[in-house]
Amino acid sequence: MLSPKLAYIDPGSGSMILQVIVGGVAAAAVMAKFWWRRFLVLLRIREPVDDRREDAEMEVEPLTGERAGQRSEPAARR
């Protein structure tokens, strides 16, 4: 006769399994987002993104003149 096999999953193992499932779903969602954008560009529904243009828009000019002096005063007090 076959004896019954007992299995036990402690809370730590169950939590790890849940994290793997949630992480897999999140990774699949991000990959789907990237592939969807490429698919729309391929169908010419959306224009391709120019990374150089975005980098240029994000550049910040350094502070000069009075604004630079006001900015450095509180740092000098510390």
C-alpha atoms as a PDB file:
ATOM      1  CA  MET A   1       0.000   0.000   0.000  1.00  0.00           C
ATOM      2  CA  LEU A   2       1.146   3.544  -0.745  1.00  0.00           C
ATOM      3  CA  SER A   3       1.822   5.846   2.163  1.00  0.00           C
ATOM      4  CA  PRO A   4       0.542   9.419   1.901  1.00  0.00           C
ATOM      5  CA  LYS A   5       3.168  12.070   1.167  1.00  0.00           C
ATOM      6  CA  LEU A   6       2.971  15.103   3.382  1.00  0.00           C
ATOM      7  CA  ALA A   7       4.303  18.426   2.163  1.00  0.00           C
ATOM      8  CA  TYR A   8       4.731  21.610   4.115  1.00  0.00           C
ATOM      9  CA  ILE A   9       5.401  25.100   2.778  1.00  0.00           C
ATOM     10  CA  ASP A  10       6.422  27.535   5.493  1.00  0.00           C
ATOM     11  CA  PRO A  11       5.478  31.246   5.248  1.00  0.00           C
ATOM     12  CA  GLY A  12       8.975  32.204   4.008  1.00  0.00           C
ATOM     13  CA  SER A  13       8.767  29.796   1.082  1.00  0.00           C
ATOM     14  CA  GLY A  14       5.249  30.898   0.239  1.00  0.00           C
ATOM     15  CA  SER A  15       6.358  34.535   0.319  1.00  0.00           C
ATOM     16  CA  MET A  16       9.281  33.783  -2.000  1.00  0.00           C
ATOM     17  CA  ILE A  17       7.023  31.966  -4.458  1.00  0.00           C
ATOM     18  CA  LEU A  18       4.623  34.926  -4.415  1.00  0.00           C
ATOM     19  CA  GLN A  19       7.509  37.360  -5.066  1.00  0.00           C
ATOM     20  CA  VAL A  20       8.691  35.285  -8.025  1.00  0.00           C
ATOM     21  CA  ILE A  21       5.191  35.297  -9.512  1.00  0.00           C
ATOM     22  CA  VAL A  22       4.681  39.054  -8.999  1.00  0.00           C
ATOM     23  CA  GLY A  23       8.175  39.830 -10.348  1.00  0.00           C
ATOM     24  CA  GLY A  24       7.553  37.685 -13.413  1.00  0.00           C
ATOM     25  CA  VAL A  25       4.275  39.448 -14.127  1.00  0.00           C
ATOM     26  CA  ALA A  26       5.926  42.876 -13.715  1.00  0.00           C
ATOM     27  CA  ALA A  27       8.819  41.914 -16.011  1.00  0.00           C
ATOM     28  CA  ALA A  28       6.383  40.603 -18.626  1.00  0.00           C
ATOM     29  CA  ALA A  29       4.397  43.857 -18.452  1.00  0.00           C
ATOM     30  CA  VAL A  30       7.519  45.990 -18.991  1.00  0.00           C
ATOM     31  CA  MET A  31       8.665  43.843 -21.910  1.00  0.00           C
ATOM     32  CA  ALA A  32       5.191  44.020 -23.451  1.00  0.00           C
ATOM     33  CA  LYS A  33       5.314  47.817 -23.166  1.00  0.00           C
ATOM     34  CA  PHE A  34       8.663  47.977 -25.007  1.00  0.00           C
ATOM     35  CA  TRP A  35       7.553  45.583 -27.720  1.00  0.00           C
ATOM     36  CA  TRP A  36       4.230  47.425 -28.122  1.00  0.00           C
ATOM     37  CA  ARG A  37       6.079  50.705 -28.759  1.00  0.00           C
ATOM     38  CA  ARG A  38       8.307  49.013 -31.349  1.00  0.00           C
ATOM     39  CA  PHE A  39       5.238  47.490 -32.973  1.00  0.00           C
ATOM     40  CA  LEU A  40       3.538  50.904 -33.237  1.00  0.00           C
ATOM     41  CA  VAL A  41       6.699  52.411 -34.769  1.00  0.00           C
ATOM     42  CA  LEU A  42       6.835  49.516 -37.245  1.00  0.00           C
ATOM     43  CA  LEU A  43       3.232  50.229 -38.300  1.00  0.00           C
ATOM     44  CA  ARG A  44       4.098  53.952 -38.474  1.00  0.00           C
ATOM     45  CA  ILE A  45       1.390  54.823 -35.984  1.00  0.00           C
ATOM     46  CA  ARG A  46       3.921  56.411 -33.651  1.00  0.00           C
ATOM     47  CA  GLU A  47       7.112  58.259 -34.550  1.00  0.00           C
ATOM     48  CA  PRO A  48      10.410  56.847 -33.281  1.00  0.00           C
ATOM     49  CA  VAL A  49      11.824  58.578 -30.212  1.00  0.00           C
ATOM     50  CA  ASP A  50      15.062  60.496 -30.703  1.00  0.00           C
ATOM     51  CA  ASP A  51      17.093  60.000 -27.509  1.00  0.00           C
ATOM     52  CA  ARG A  52      19.457  62.844 -28.306  1.00  0.00           C
ATOM     53  CA  ARG A  53      16.558  65.315 -28.393  1.00  0.00           C
ATOM     54  CA  GLU A  54      15.354  64.211 -24.953  1.00  0.00           C
ATOM     55  CA  ASP A  55      18.856  64.491 -23.492  1.00  0.00           C
ATOM     56  CA  ALA A  56      19.210  68.050 -24.779  1.00  0.00           C
ATOM     57  CA  GLU A  57      15.883  69.067 -23.241  1.00  0.00           C
ATOM     58  CA  MET A  58      16.903  67.688 -19.855  1.00  0.00           C
ATOM     59  CA  GLU A  59      20.135  69.719 -19.620  1.00  0.00           C
ATOM     60  CA  VAL A  60      20.056  72.363 -16.910  1.00  0.00           C
ATOM     61  CA  GLU A  61      21.977  75.589 -17.158  1.00  0.00           C
ATOM     62  CA  PRO A  62      24.217  76.436 -14.169  1.00  0.00           C
ATOM     63  CA  LEU A  63      23.183  79.294 -11.894  1.00  0.00           C
ATOM     64  CA  THR A  64      25.007  82.567 -12.520  1.00  0.00           C
ATOM     65  CA  GLY A  65      25.061  86.053 -11.014  1.00  0.00           C
ATOM     66  CA  GLU A  66      22.798  86.877  -8.068  1.00  0.00           C
ATOM     67  CA  ARG A  67      20.976  83.555  -8.210  1.00  0.00           C
ATOM     68  CA  ALA A  68      24.253  81.676  -7.719  1.00  0.00           C
ATOM     69  CA  GLY A  69      25.132  83.814  -4.666  1.00  0.00           C
ATOM     70  CA  GLN A  70      21.744  83.268  -3.077  1.00  0.00           C
ATOM     71  CA  ARG A  71      22.040  79.552  -3.653  1.00  0.00           C
ATOM     72  CA  SER A  72      25.443  79.241  -1.935  1.00  0.00           C
ATOM     73  CA  GLU A  73      24.617  81.301   1.211  1.00  0.00           C
ATOM     74  CA  PRO A  74      22.514  78.655   3.017  1.00  0.00           C
ATOM     75  CA  ALA A  75      25.191  76.080   2.254  1.00  0.00           C
ATOM     76  CA  ALA A  76      27.813  78.325   3.908  1.00  0.00           C
ATOM     77  CA  ARG A  77      25.715  78.619   7.100  1.00  0.00           C
ATOM     78  CA  ARG A  78      25.689  74.861   7.625  1.00  0.00           C
END
